[in-house]
Amino acid sequence: MIVVTGLKTCDNCKKAVKALAAQGVSVRLRDLRDEPVTAGEINSWYAQFGGSLLNTRSTTWRNLSEAERADDPLALMATHPALIKRPVVETPNDRYLGWTTATRGALGLSD
């Protein structure tokens, strides 16, 4: 099973689930607001993706003060899950960030 972690209202998350399901892949959308991620998950994702995991283009980021933006990114993402770039796509053997051409290619999907 592939788990797509993001928000049920996120267009890219919906596209990911739809594309995977259309290929007959067992897929589940994990909404960050309904099923919060653990600090361990955030740490693991950050270790793999680095600063790319922090979504600085989000409305949540834009609404933070300069002082808040200077906080530790891991703490920010734990407090504000919408700051996690979406989707995080997890297969039994690997993990991908974003619904990019590279992610789709790695999952065997064409554009």
PDB file of N, CA and C in Angstrom:
ATOM      1  N   MET A   1       0.834  -1.182   0.000  1.00  0.00           N
ATOM      2  CA  MET A   1       0.000   0.000   0.000  1.00  0.00           C
ATOM      3  C   MET A   1       0.880   1.246   0.000  1.00  0.00           C
ATOM      4  N   ILE A   2       0.442   2.234  -0.754  1.00  0.00           N
ATOM      5  CA  ILE A   2       1.112   3.532  -0.783  1.00  0.00           C
ATOM      6  C   ILE A   2       0.288   4.494   0.065  1.00  0.00           C
ATOM      7  N   VAL A   3       0.978   5.226   0.930  1.00  0.00           N
ATOM      8  CA  VAL A   3       0.317   6.218   1.773  1.00  0.00           C
ATOM      9  C   VAL A   3       0.721   7.603   1.283  1.00  0.00           C
ATOM     10  N   VAL A   4      -0.278   8.395   0.955  1.00  0.00           N
ATOM     11  CA  VAL A   4      -0.072   9.774   0.525  1.00  0.00           C
ATOM     12  C   VAL A   4      -0.449  10.654   1.715  1.00  0.00           C
ATOM     13  N   THR A   5       0.551  11.293   2.312  1.00  0.00           N
ATOM     14  CA  THR A   5       0.309  12.141   3.473  1.00  0.00           C
ATOM     15  C   THR A   5       0.231  13.588   3.019  1.00  0.00           C
ATOM     16  N   GLY A   6      -0.847  14.238   3.393  1.00  0.00           N
ATOM     17  CA  GLY A   6      -1.056  15.626   2.998  1.00  0.00           C
ATOM     18  C   GLY A   6      -2.348  16.145   3.586  1.00  0.00           C
ATOM     19  N   LEU A   7      -3.078  16.886   2.796  1.00  0.00           N
ATOM     20  CA  LEU A   7      -4.374  17.426   3.210  1.00  0.00           C
ATOM     21  C   LEU A   7      -5.431  17.002   2.195  1.00  0.00           C
ATOM     22  N   LYS A   8      -6.601  16.629   2.689  1.00  0.00           N
ATOM     23  CA  LYS A   8      -7.655  16.177   1.772  1.00  0.00           C
ATOM     24  C   LYS A   8      -8.132  17.294   0.856  1.00  0.00           C
ATOM     25  N   THR A   9      -7.835  18.536   1.204  1.00  0.00           N
ATOM     26  CA  THR A   9      -8.218  19.675   0.363  1.00  0.00           C
ATOM     27  C   THR A   9      -7.119  20.084  -0.615  1.00  0.00           C
ATOM     28  N   CYS A  10      -5.960  19.454  -0.543  1.00  0.00           N
ATOM     29  CA  CYS A  10      -4.811  19.803  -1.388  1.00  0.00           C
ATOM     30  C   CYS A  10      -4.976  19.192  -2.785  1.00  0.00           C
ATOM     31  N   ASP A  11      -4.911  20.032  -3.808  1.00  0.00           N
ATOM     32  CA  ASP A  11      -5.076  19.555  -5.183  1.00  0.00           C
ATOM     33  C   ASP A  11      -4.032  18.518  -5.565  1.00  0.00           C
ATOM     34  N   ASN A  12      -2.768  18.736  -5.201  1.00  0.00           N
ATOM     35  CA  ASN A  12      -1.724  17.772  -5.554  1.00  0.00           C
ATOM     36  C   ASN A  12      -1.920  16.441  -4.844  1.00  0.00           C
ATOM     37  N   CYS A  13      -2.397  16.470  -3.615  1.00  0.00           N
ATOM     38  CA  CYS A  13      -2.665  15.226  -2.892  1.00  0.00           C
ATOM     39  C   CYS A  13      -3.795  14.457  -3.568  1.00  0.00           C
ATOM     40  N   LYS A  14      -4.839  15.179  -3.967  1.00  0.00           N
ATOM     41  CA  LYS A  14      -5.963  14.540  -4.664  1.00  0.00           C
ATOM     42  C   LYS A  14      -5.515  13.961  -6.002  1.00  0.00           C
ATOM     43  N   LYS A  15      -4.668  14.694  -6.723  1.00  0.00           N
ATOM     44  CA  LYS A  15      -4.146  14.196  -8.003  1.00  0.00           C
ATOM     45  C   LYS A  15      -3.339  12.923  -7.799  1.00  0.00           C
ATOM     46  N   ALA A  16      -2.526  12.897  -6.755  1.00  0.00           N
ATOM     47  CA  ALA A  16      -1.692  11.724  -6.479  1.00  0.00           C
ATOM     48  C   ALA A  16      -2.553  10.499  -6.205  1.00  0.00           C
ATOM     49  N   VAL A  17      -3.537  10.653  -5.337  1.00  0.00           N
ATOM     50  CA  VAL A  17      -4.414   9.531  -4.997  1.00  0.00           C
ATOM     51  C   VAL A  17      -5.173   9.059  -6.232  1.00  0.00           C
ATOM     52  N   LYS A  18      -5.698   9.989  -7.000  1.00  0.00           N
ATOM     53  CA  LYS A  18      -6.466   9.638  -8.202  1.00  0.00           C
ATOM     54  C   LYS A  18      -5.597   8.900  -9.220  1.00  0.00           C
ATOM     55  N   ALA A  19      -4.386   9.398  -9.464  1.00  0.00           N
ATOM     56  CA  ALA A  19      -3.498   8.773 -10.451  1.00  0.00           C
ATOM     57  C   ALA A  19      -3.077   7.374 -10.009  1.00  0.00           C
ATOM     58  N   LEU A  20      -2.763   7.225  -8.741  1.00  0.00           N
ATOM     59  CA  LEU A  20      -2.346   5.910  -8.242  1.00  0.00           C
ATOM     60  C   LEU A  20      -3.511   4.924  -8.276  1.00  0.00           C
ATOM     61  N   ALA A  21      -4.681   5.359  -7.843  1.00  0.00           N
ATOM     62  CA  ALA A  21      -5.855   4.485  -7.853  1.00  0.00           C
ATOM     63  C   ALA A  21      -6.221   4.076  -9.276  1.00  0.00           C
ATOM     64  N   ALA A  22      -6.061   4.983 -10.238  1.00  0.00           N
ATOM     65  CA  ALA A  22      -6.369   4.683 -11.639  1.00  0.00           C
ATOM     66  C   ALA A  22      -5.464   3.591 -12.196  1.00  0.00           C
ATOM     67  N   GLN A  23      -4.285   3.446 -11.606  1.00  0.00           N
ATOM     68  CA  GLN A  23      -3.356   2.398 -12.036  1.00  0.00           C
ATOM     69  C   GLN A  23      -3.562   1.103 -11.248  1.00  0.00           C
ATOM     70  N   GLY A  24      -4.587   1.073 -10.405  1.00  0.00           N
ATOM     71  CA  GLY A  24      -4.889  -0.122  -9.631  1.00  0.00           C
ATOM     72  C   GLY A  24      -4.020  -0.283  -8.394  1.00  0.00           C
ATOM     73  N   VAL A  25      -3.350   0.787  -8.003  1.00  0.00           N
ATOM     74  CA  VAL A  25      -2.481   0.744  -6.831  1.00  0.00           C
ATOM     75  C   VAL A  25      -3.326   0.932  -5.576  1.00  0.00           C
ATOM     76  N   SER A  26      -3.025   0.157  -4.548  1.00  0.00           N
ATOM     77  CA  SER A  26      -3.680   0.343  -3.262  1.00  0.00           C
ATOM     78  C   SER A  26      -3.096   1.598  -2.621  1.00  0.00           C
ATOM     79  N   VAL A  27      -3.943   2.607  -2.403  1.00  0.00           N
ATOM     80  CA  VAL A  27      -3.465   3.908  -1.925  1.00  0.00           C
ATOM     81  C   VAL A  27      -4.402   4.440  -0.850  1.00  0.00           C
ATOM     82  N   ARG A  28      -3.813   5.152   0.103  1.00  0.00           N
ATOM     83  CA  ARG A  28      -4.600   5.758   1.177  1.00  0.00           C
ATOM     84  C   ARG A  28      -4.125   7.184   1.383  1.00  0.00           C
ATOM     85  N   LEU A  29      -5.065   8.120   1.507  1.00  0.00           N
ATOM     86  CA  LEU A  29      -4.732   9.508   1.814  1.00  0.00           C
ATOM     87  C   LEU A  29      -4.775   9.683   3.326  1.00  0.00           C
ATOM     88  N   ARG A  30      -3.665  10.108   3.870  1.00  0.00           N
ATOM     89  CA  ARG A  30      -3.568  10.397   5.301  1.00  0.00           C
ATOM     90  C   ARG A  30      -3.595  11.915   5.466  1.00  0.00           C
ATOM     91  N   ASP A  31      -4.691  12.429   5.987  1.00  0.00           N
ATOM     92  CA  ASP A  31      -4.828  13.870   6.178  1.00  0.00           C
ATOM     93  C   ASP A  31      -4.088  14.284   7.448  1.00  0.00           C
ATOM     94  N   LEU A  32      -3.186  15.241   7.300  1.00  0.00           N
ATOM     95  CA  LEU A  32      -2.370  15.705   8.422  1.00  0.00           C
ATOM     96  C   LEU A  32      -3.201  16.248   9.577  1.00  0.00           C
ATOM     97  N   ARG A  33      -4.369  16.740   9.277  1.00  0.00           N
ATOM     98  CA  ARG A  33      -5.211  17.315  10.337  1.00  0.00           C
ATOM     99  C   ARG A  33      -5.999  16.239  11.069  1.00  0.00           C
ATOM    100  N   ASP A  34      -6.359  15.162  10.374  1.00  0.00           N
ATOM    101  CA  ASP A  34      -7.123  14.078  10.994  1.00  0.00           C
ATOM    102  C   ASP A  34      -6.221  13.048  11.664  1.00  0.00           C
ATOM    103  N   GLU A  35      -5.048  12.816  11.083  1.00  0.00           N
ATOM    104  CA  GLU A  35      -4.077  11.849  11.603  1.00  0.00           C
ATOM    105  C   GLU A  35      -2.726  12.545  11.726  1.00  0.00           C
ATOM    106  N   PRO A  36      -2.520  13.290  12.810  1.00  0.00           N
ATOM    107  CA  PRO A  36      -1.282  14.064  12.945  1.00  0.00           C
ATOM    108  C   PRO A  36      -0.033  13.188  12.845  1.00  0.00           C
ATOM    109  N   VAL A  37       1.006  13.778  12.277  1.00  0.00           N
ATOM    110  CA  VAL A  37       2.286  13.078  12.183  1.00  0.00           C
ATOM    111  C   VAL A  37       3.017  13.217  13.511  1.00  0.00           C
ATOM    112  N   THR A  38       3.887  12.266  13.775  1.00  0.00           N
ATOM    113  CA  THR A  38       4.657  12.292  15.014  1.00  0.00           C
ATOM    114  C   THR A  38       5.941  13.088  14.806  1.00  0.00           C
ATOM    115  N   ALA A  39       6.556  13.465  15.907  1.00  0.00           N
ATOM    116  CA  ALA A  39       7.851  14.148  15.835  1.00  0.00           C
ATOM    117  C   ALA A  39       8.870  13.240  15.158  1.00  0.00           C
ATOM    118  N   GLY A  40       8.780  11.943  15.412  1.00  0.00           N
ATOM    119  CA  GLY A  40       9.691  10.986  14.778  1.00  0.00           C
ATOM    120  C   GLY A  40       9.538  10.961  13.269  1.00  0.00           C
ATOM    121  N   GLU A  41       8.303  11.028  12.784  1.00  0.00           N
ATOM    122  CA  GLU A  41       8.070  11.061  11.341  1.00  0.00           C
ATOM    123  C   GLU A  41       8.640  12.337  10.731  1.00  0.00           C
ATOM    124  N   ILE A  42       8.375  13.467  11.382  1.00  0.00           N
ATOM    125  CA  ILE A  42       8.896  14.736  10.867  1.00  0.00           C
ATOM    126  C   ILE A  42      10.420  14.703  10.838  1.00  0.00           C
ATOM    127  N   ASN A  43      11.031  14.193  11.900  1.00  0.00           N
ATOM    128  CA  ASN A  43      12.499  14.098  11.949  1.00  0.00           C
ATOM    129  C   ASN A  43      13.032  13.214  10.831  1.00  0.00           C
ATOM    130  N   SER A  44      12.380  12.087  10.605  1.00  0.00           N
ATOM    131  CA  SER A  44      12.810  11.159   9.555  1.00  0.00           C
ATOM    132  C   SER A  44      12.671  11.792   8.175  1.00  0.00           C
ATOM    133  N   TRP A  45      11.551  12.441   7.928  1.00  0.00           N
ATOM    134  CA  TRP A  45      11.332  13.105   6.642  1.00  0.00           C
ATOM    135  C   TRP A  45      12.341  14.225   6.445  1.00  0.00           C
ATOM    136  N   TYR A  46      12.596  14.985   7.515  1.00  0.00           N
ATOM    137  CA  TYR A  46      13.544  16.102   7.422  1.00  0.00           C
ATOM    138  C   TYR A  46      14.960  15.595   7.158  1.00  0.00           C
ATOM    139  N   ALA A  47      15.294  14.453   7.757  1.00  0.00           N
ATOM    140  CA  ALA A  47      16.616  13.862   7.515  1.00  0.00           C
ATOM    141  C   ALA A  47      16.774  13.492   6.046  1.00  0.00           C
ATOM    142  N   GLN A  48      15.701  13.057   5.400  1.00  0.00           N
ATOM    143  CA  GLN A  48      15.758  12.674   3.993  1.00  0.00           C
ATOM    144  C   GLN A  48      15.639  13.874   3.057  1.00  0.00           C
ATOM    145  N   PHE A  49      14.710  14.779   3.322  1.00  0.00           N
ATOM    146  CA  PHE A  49      14.401  15.854   2.376  1.00  0.00           C
ATOM    147  C   PHE A  49      14.998  17.209   2.735  1.00  0.00           C
ATOM    148  N   GLY A  50      15.484  17.346   3.954  1.00  0.00           N
ATOM    149  CA  GLY A  50      16.078  18.615   4.379  1.00  0.00           C
ATOM    150  C   GLY A  50      15.071  19.751   4.358  1.00  0.00           C
ATOM    151  N   GLY A  51      15.567  20.942   4.061  1.00  0.00           N
ATOM    152  CA  GLY A  51      14.740  22.143   4.071  1.00  0.00           C
ATOM    153  C   GLY A  51      13.602  22.132   3.070  1.00  0.00           C
ATOM    154  N   SER A  52      13.654  21.236   2.087  1.00  0.00           N
ATOM    155  CA  SER A  52      12.568  21.142   1.102  1.00  0.00           C
ATOM    156  C   SER A  52      11.251  20.721   1.747  1.00  0.00           C
ATOM    157  N   LEU A  53      11.338  20.091   2.914  1.00  0.00           N
ATOM    158  CA  LEU A  53      10.124  19.635   3.594  1.00  0.00           C
ATOM    159  C   LEU A  53       9.291  20.806   4.110  1.00  0.00           C
ATOM    160  N   LEU A  54       9.936  21.924   4.419  1.00  0.00           N
ATOM    161  CA  LEU A  54       9.236  23.097   4.942  1.00  0.00           C
ATOM    162  C   LEU A  54       8.642  23.893   3.781  1.00  0.00           C
ATOM    163  N   ASN A  55       7.326  23.994   3.762  1.00  0.00           N
ATOM    164  CA  ASN A  55       6.617  24.667   2.675  1.00  0.00           C
ATOM    165  C   ASN A  55       6.548  26.170   2.947  1.00  0.00           C
ATOM    166  N   THR A  56       7.515  26.892   2.421  1.00  0.00           N
ATOM    167  CA  THR A  56       7.563  28.337   2.641  1.00  0.00           C
ATOM    168  C   THR A  56       6.673  29.104   1.657  1.00  0.00           C
ATOM    169  N   ARG A  57       5.953  28.399   0.819  1.00  0.00           N
ATOM    170  CA  ARG A  57       5.027  29.049  -0.117  1.00  0.00           C
ATOM    171  C   ARG A  57       3.587  29.015   0.393  1.00  0.00           C
ATOM    172  N   SER A  58       3.379  28.395   1.545  1.00  0.00           N
ATOM    173  CA  SER A  58       2.018  28.221   2.055  1.00  0.00           C
ATOM    174  C   SER A  58       1.483  29.486   2.716  1.00  0.00           C
ATOM    175  N   THR A  59       0.170  29.550   2.791  1.00  0.00           N
ATOM    176  CA  THR A  59      -0.494  30.650   3.485  1.00  0.00           C
ATOM    177  C   THR A  59      -0.093  30.653   4.954  1.00  0.00           C
ATOM    178  N   THR A  60       0.025  29.478   5.527  1.00  0.00           N
ATOM    179  CA  THR A  60       0.426  29.379   6.934  1.00  0.00           C
ATOM    180  C   THR A  60       1.771  30.055   7.150  1.00  0.00           C
ATOM    181  N   TRP A  61       2.734  29.795   6.267  1.00  0.00           N
ATOM    182  CA  TRP A  61       4.062  30.409   6.377  1.00  0.00           C
ATOM    183  C   TRP A  61       3.961  31.936   6.265  1.00  0.00           C
ATOM    184  N   ARG A  62       3.202  32.395   5.301  1.00  0.00           N
ATOM    185  CA  ARG A  62       3.075  33.838   5.095  1.00  0.00           C
ATOM    186  C   ARG A  62       2.428  34.537   6.286  1.00  0.00           C
ATOM    187  N   ASN A  63       1.609  33.812   7.031  1.00  0.00           N
ATOM    188  CA  ASN A  63       0.938  34.394   8.194  1.00  0.00           C
ATOM    189  C   ASN A  63       1.782  34.364   9.467  1.00  0.00           C
ATOM    190  N   LEU A  64       2.942  33.719   9.427  1.00  0.00           N
ATOM    191  CA  LEU A  64       3.826  33.690  10.594  1.00  0.00           C
ATOM    192  C   LEU A  64       4.604  34.994  10.697  1.00  0.00           C
ATOM    193  N   SER A  65       4.912  35.376  11.915  1.00  0.00           N
ATOM    194  CA  SER A  65       5.755  36.557  12.118  1.00  0.00           C
ATOM    195  C   SER A  65       7.201  36.196  11.776  1.00  0.00           C
ATOM    196  N   GLU A  66       8.030  37.201  11.606  1.00  0.00           N
ATOM    197  CA  GLU A  66       9.456  36.959  11.332  1.00  0.00           C
ATOM    198  C   GLU A  66      10.087  36.164  12.466  1.00  0.00           C
ATOM    199  N   ALA A  67       9.695  36.456  13.695  1.00  0.00           N
ATOM    200  CA  ALA A  67      10.237  35.732  14.853  1.00  0.00           C
ATOM    201  C   ALA A  67       9.850  34.255  14.791  1.00  0.00           C
ATOM    202  N   GLU A  68       8.597  33.985  14.421  1.00  0.00           N
ATOM    203  CA  GLU A  68       8.147  32.591  14.313  1.00  0.00           C
ATOM    204  C   GLU A  68       8.879  31.873  13.182  1.00  0.00           C
ATOM    205  N   ARG A  69       9.085  32.551  12.077  1.00  0.00           N
ATOM    206  CA  ARG A  69       9.781  31.942  10.939  1.00  0.00           C
ATOM    207  C   ARG A  69      11.215  31.569  11.286  1.00  0.00           C
ATOM    208  N   ALA A  70      11.787  32.260  12.254  1.00  0.00           N
ATOM    209  CA  ALA A  70      13.167  31.990  12.663  1.00  0.00           C
ATOM    210  C   ALA A  70      13.267  30.778  13.588  1.00  0.00           C
ATOM    211  N   ASP A  71      12.127  30.247  14.044  1.00  0.00           N
ATOM    212  CA  ASP A  71      12.131  29.075  14.925  1.00  0.00           C
ATOM    213  C   ASP A  71      12.679  27.850  14.202  1.00  0.00           C
ATOM    214  N   ASP A  72      12.962  26.823  14.989  1.00  0.00           N
ATOM    215  CA  ASP A  72      13.431  25.547  14.457  1.00  0.00           C
ATOM    216  C   ASP A  72      12.383  24.988  13.491  1.00  0.00           C
ATOM    217  N   PRO A  73      12.786  24.627  12.266  1.00  0.00           N
ATOM    218  CA  PRO A  73      11.800  24.134  11.288  1.00  0.00           C
ATOM    219  C   PRO A  73      11.050  22.892  11.755  1.00  0.00           C
ATOM    220  N   LEU A  74      11.713  22.017  12.490  1.00  0.00           N
ATOM    221  CA  LEU A  74      11.034  20.809  12.970  1.00  0.00           C
ATOM    222  C   LEU A  74       9.921  21.171  13.950  1.00  0.00           C
ATOM    223  N   ALA A  75      10.199  22.123  14.833  1.00  0.00           N
ATOM    224  CA  ALA A  75       9.181  22.562  15.787  1.00  0.00           C
ATOM    225  C   ALA A  75       8.033  23.260  15.067  1.00  0.00           C
ATOM    226  N   LEU A  76       8.362  24.063  14.061  1.00  0.00           N
ATOM    227  CA  LEU A  76       7.323  24.746  13.286  1.00  0.00           C
ATOM    228  C   LEU A  76       6.391  23.743  12.616  1.00  0.00           C
ATOM    229  N   MET A  77       6.960  22.706  11.996  1.00  0.00           N
ATOM    230  CA  MET A  77       6.132  21.715  11.297  1.00  0.00           C
ATOM    231  C   MET A  77       5.307  20.890  12.273  1.00  0.00           C
ATOM    232  N   ALA A  78       5.838  20.651  13.474  1.00  0.00           N
ATOM    233  CA  ALA A  78       5.075  19.922  14.485  1.00  0.00           C
ATOM    234  C   ALA A  78       3.887  20.755  14.967  1.00  0.00           C
ATOM    235  N   THR A  79       4.103  22.050  15.109  1.00  0.00           N
ATOM    236  CA  THR A  79       3.048  22.955  15.571  1.00  0.00           C
ATOM    237  C   THR A  79       2.053  23.285  14.463  1.00  0.00           C
ATOM    238  N   HIS A  80       2.560  23.433  13.253  1.00  0.00           N
ATOM    239  CA  HIS A  80       1.735  23.820  12.096  1.00  0.00           C
ATOM    240  C   HIS A  80       1.921  22.782  10.980  1.00  0.00           C
ATOM    241  N   PRO A  81       1.185  21.671  11.028  1.00  0.00           N
ATOM    242  CA  PRO A  81       1.375  20.617  10.021  1.00  0.00           C
ATOM    243  C   PRO A  81       1.179  21.082   8.581  1.00  0.00           C
ATOM    244  N   ALA A  82       0.428  22.160   8.371  1.00  0.00           N
ATOM    245  CA  ALA A  82       0.232  22.669   7.010  1.00  0.00           C
ATOM    246  C   ALA A  82       1.531  23.206   6.423  1.00  0.00           C
ATOM    247  N   LEU A  83       2.565  23.355   7.240  1.00  0.00           N
ATOM    248  CA  LEU A  83       3.870  23.802   6.746  1.00  0.00           C
ATOM    249  C   LEU A  83       4.675  22.669   6.120  1.00  0.00           C
ATOM    250  N   ILE A  84       4.176  21.439   6.226  1.00  0.00           N
ATOM    251  CA  ILE A  84       4.858  20.302   5.606  1.00  0.00           C
ATOM    252  C   ILE A  84       4.489  20.287   4.128  1.00  0.00           C
ATOM    253  N   LYS A  85       5.509  20.274   3.274  1.00  0.00           N
ATOM    254  CA  LYS A  85       5.266  20.225   1.825  1.00  0.00           C
ATOM    255  C   LYS A  85       4.485  18.960   1.512  1.00  0.00           C
ATOM    256  N   ARG A  86       3.565  19.085   0.569  1.00  0.00           N
ATOM    257  CA  ARG A  86       2.686  17.966   0.256  1.00  0.00           C
ATOM    258  C   ARG A  86       2.771  17.604  -1.222  1.00  0.00           C
ATOM    259  N   PRO A  87       2.451  16.356  -1.462  1.00  0.00           N
ATOM    260  CA  PRO A  87       2.300  15.258  -0.518  1.00  0.00           C
ATOM    261  C   PRO A  87       3.641  14.595  -0.198  1.00  0.00           C
ATOM    262  N   VAL A  88       3.649  13.871   0.911  1.00  0.00           N
ATOM    263  CA  VAL A  88       4.735  12.934   1.192  1.00  0.00           C
ATOM    264  C   VAL A  88       4.177  11.580   0.769  1.00  0.00           C
ATOM    265  N   VAL A  89       4.811  10.963  -0.214  1.00  0.00           N
ATOM    266  CA  VAL A  89       4.332   9.697  -0.770  1.00  0.00           C
ATOM    267  C   VAL A  89       5.246   8.591  -0.259  1.00  0.00           C
ATOM    268  N   GLU A  90       4.665   7.646   0.484  1.00  0.00           N
ATOM    269  CA  GLU A  90       5.450   6.565   1.068  1.00  0.00           C
ATOM    270  C   GLU A  90       5.013   5.220   0.504  1.00  0.00           C
ATOM    271  N   THR A  91       5.974   4.527  -0.088  1.00  0.00           N
ATOM    272  CA  THR A  91       5.767   3.163  -0.561  1.00  0.00           C
ATOM    273  C   THR A  91       6.384   2.241   0.488  1.00  0.00           C
ATOM    274  N   PRO A  92       6.205   0.936   0.360  1.00  0.00           N
ATOM    275  CA  PRO A  92       6.858   0.047   1.318  1.00  0.00           C
ATOM    276  C   PRO A  92       8.387   0.178   1.316  1.00  0.00           C
ATOM    277  N   ASN A  93       8.965   0.657   0.210  1.00  0.00           N
ATOM    278  CA  ASN A  93      10.420   0.697   0.097  1.00  0.00           C
ATOM    279  C   ASN A  93      11.037   2.073  -0.037  1.00  0.00           C
ATOM    280  N   ASP A  94      10.228   3.110  -0.253  1.00  0.00           N
ATOM    281  CA  ASP A  94      10.814   4.425  -0.495  1.00  0.00           C
ATOM    282  C   ASP A  94       9.843   5.529  -0.120  1.00  0.00           C
ATOM    283  N   ARG A  95      10.324   6.755  -0.250  1.00  0.00           N
ATOM    284  CA  ARG A  95       9.559   7.929   0.134  1.00  0.00           C
ATOM    285  C   ARG A  95       9.875   9.049  -0.850  1.00  0.00           C
ATOM    286  N   TYR A  96       8.848   9.821  -1.219  1.00  0.00           N
ATOM    287  CA  TYR A  96       9.003  10.910  -2.185  1.00  0.00           C
ATOM    288  C   TYR A  96       8.299  12.152  -1.655  1.00  0.00           C
ATOM    289  N   LEU A  97       8.823  13.316  -2.039  1.00  0.00           N
ATOM    290  CA  LEU A  97       8.239  14.578  -1.596  1.00  0.00           C
ATOM    291  C   LEU A  97       7.707  15.342  -2.799  1.00  0.00           C
ATOM    292  N   GLY A  98       6.424  15.673  -2.749  1.00  0.00           N
ATOM    293  CA  GLY A  98       5.804  16.423  -3.831  1.00  0.00           C
ATOM    294  C   GLY A  98       5.302  15.511  -4.933  1.00  0.00           C
ATOM    295  N   TRP A  99       4.314  15.975  -5.661  1.00  0.00           N
ATOM    296  CA  TRP A  99       3.761  15.211  -6.784  1.00  0.00           C
ATOM    297  C   TRP A  99       4.400  15.740  -8.059  1.00  0.00           C
ATOM    298  N   THR A 100       5.685  15.453  -8.193  1.00  0.00           N
ATOM    299  CA  THR A 100       6.489  15.968  -9.293  1.00  0.00           C
ATOM    300  C   THR A 100       6.607  14.941 -10.409  1.00  0.00           C
ATOM    301  N   THR A 101       7.150  15.374 -11.528  1.00  0.00           N
ATOM    302  CA  THR A 101       7.421  14.456 -12.638  1.00  0.00           C
ATOM    303  C   THR A 101       8.350  13.341 -12.172  1.00  0.00           C
ATOM    304  N   ALA A 102       9.340  13.691 -11.368  1.00  0.00           N
ATOM    305  CA  ALA A 102      10.286  12.688 -10.859  1.00  0.00           C
ATOM    306  C   ALA A 102       9.580  11.669  -9.965  1.00  0.00           C
ATOM    307  N   THR A 103       8.679  12.135  -9.111  1.00  0.00           N
ATOM    308  CA  THR A 103       7.929  11.224  -8.239  1.00  0.00           C
ATOM    309  C   THR A 103       7.063  10.295  -9.075  1.00  0.00           C
ATOM    310  N   ARG A 104       6.340  10.864 -10.025  1.00  0.00           N
ATOM    311  CA  ARG A 104       5.471  10.036 -10.874  1.00  0.00           C
ATOM    312  C   ARG A 104       6.294   9.010 -11.645  1.00  0.00           C
ATOM    313  N   GLY A 105       7.435   9.426 -12.168  1.00  0.00           N
ATOM    314  CA  GLY A 105       8.296   8.499 -12.900  1.00  0.00           C
ATOM    315  C   GLY A 105       8.808   7.379 -12.017  1.00  0.00           C
ATOM    316  N   ALA A 106       9.211   7.716 -10.797  1.00  0.00           N
ATOM    317  CA  ALA A 106       9.719   6.701  -9.868  1.00  0.00           C
ATOM    318  C   ALA A 106       8.635   5.693  -9.494  1.00  0.00           C
ATOM    319  N   LEU A 107       7.392   6.135  -9.540  1.00  0.00           N
ATOM    320  CA  LEU A 107       6.269   5.254  -9.215  1.00  0.00           C
ATOM    321  C   LEU A 107       5.721   4.533 -10.446  1.00  0.00           C
ATOM    322  N   GLY A 108       6.360   4.742 -11.588  1.00  0.00           N
ATOM    323  CA  GLY A 108       5.950   4.061 -12.810  1.00  0.00           C
ATOM    324  C   GLY A 108       4.750   4.685 -13.495  1.00  0.00           C
ATOM    325  N   LEU A 109       4.480   5.954 -13.202  1.00  0.00           N
ATOM    326  CA  LEU A 109       3.357   6.646 -13.827  1.00  0.00           C
ATOM    327  C   LEU A 109       3.883   7.610 -14.878  1.00  0.00           C
ATOM    328  N   SER A 110       3.178   7.721 -15.970  1.00  0.00           N
ATOM    329  CA  SER A 110       3.587   8.681 -17.004  1.00  0.00           C
ATOM    330  C   SER A 110       2.803   9.970 -16.820  1.00  0.00           C
ATOM    331  N   ASP A 111       3.329  11.029 -17.400  1.00  0.00           N
ATOM    332  CA  ASP A 111       2.638  12.334 -17.301  1.00  0.00           C
ATOM    333  C   ASP A 111       1.445  12.401 -18.212  1.00  0.00           C
TER     334      ASP A 111
END
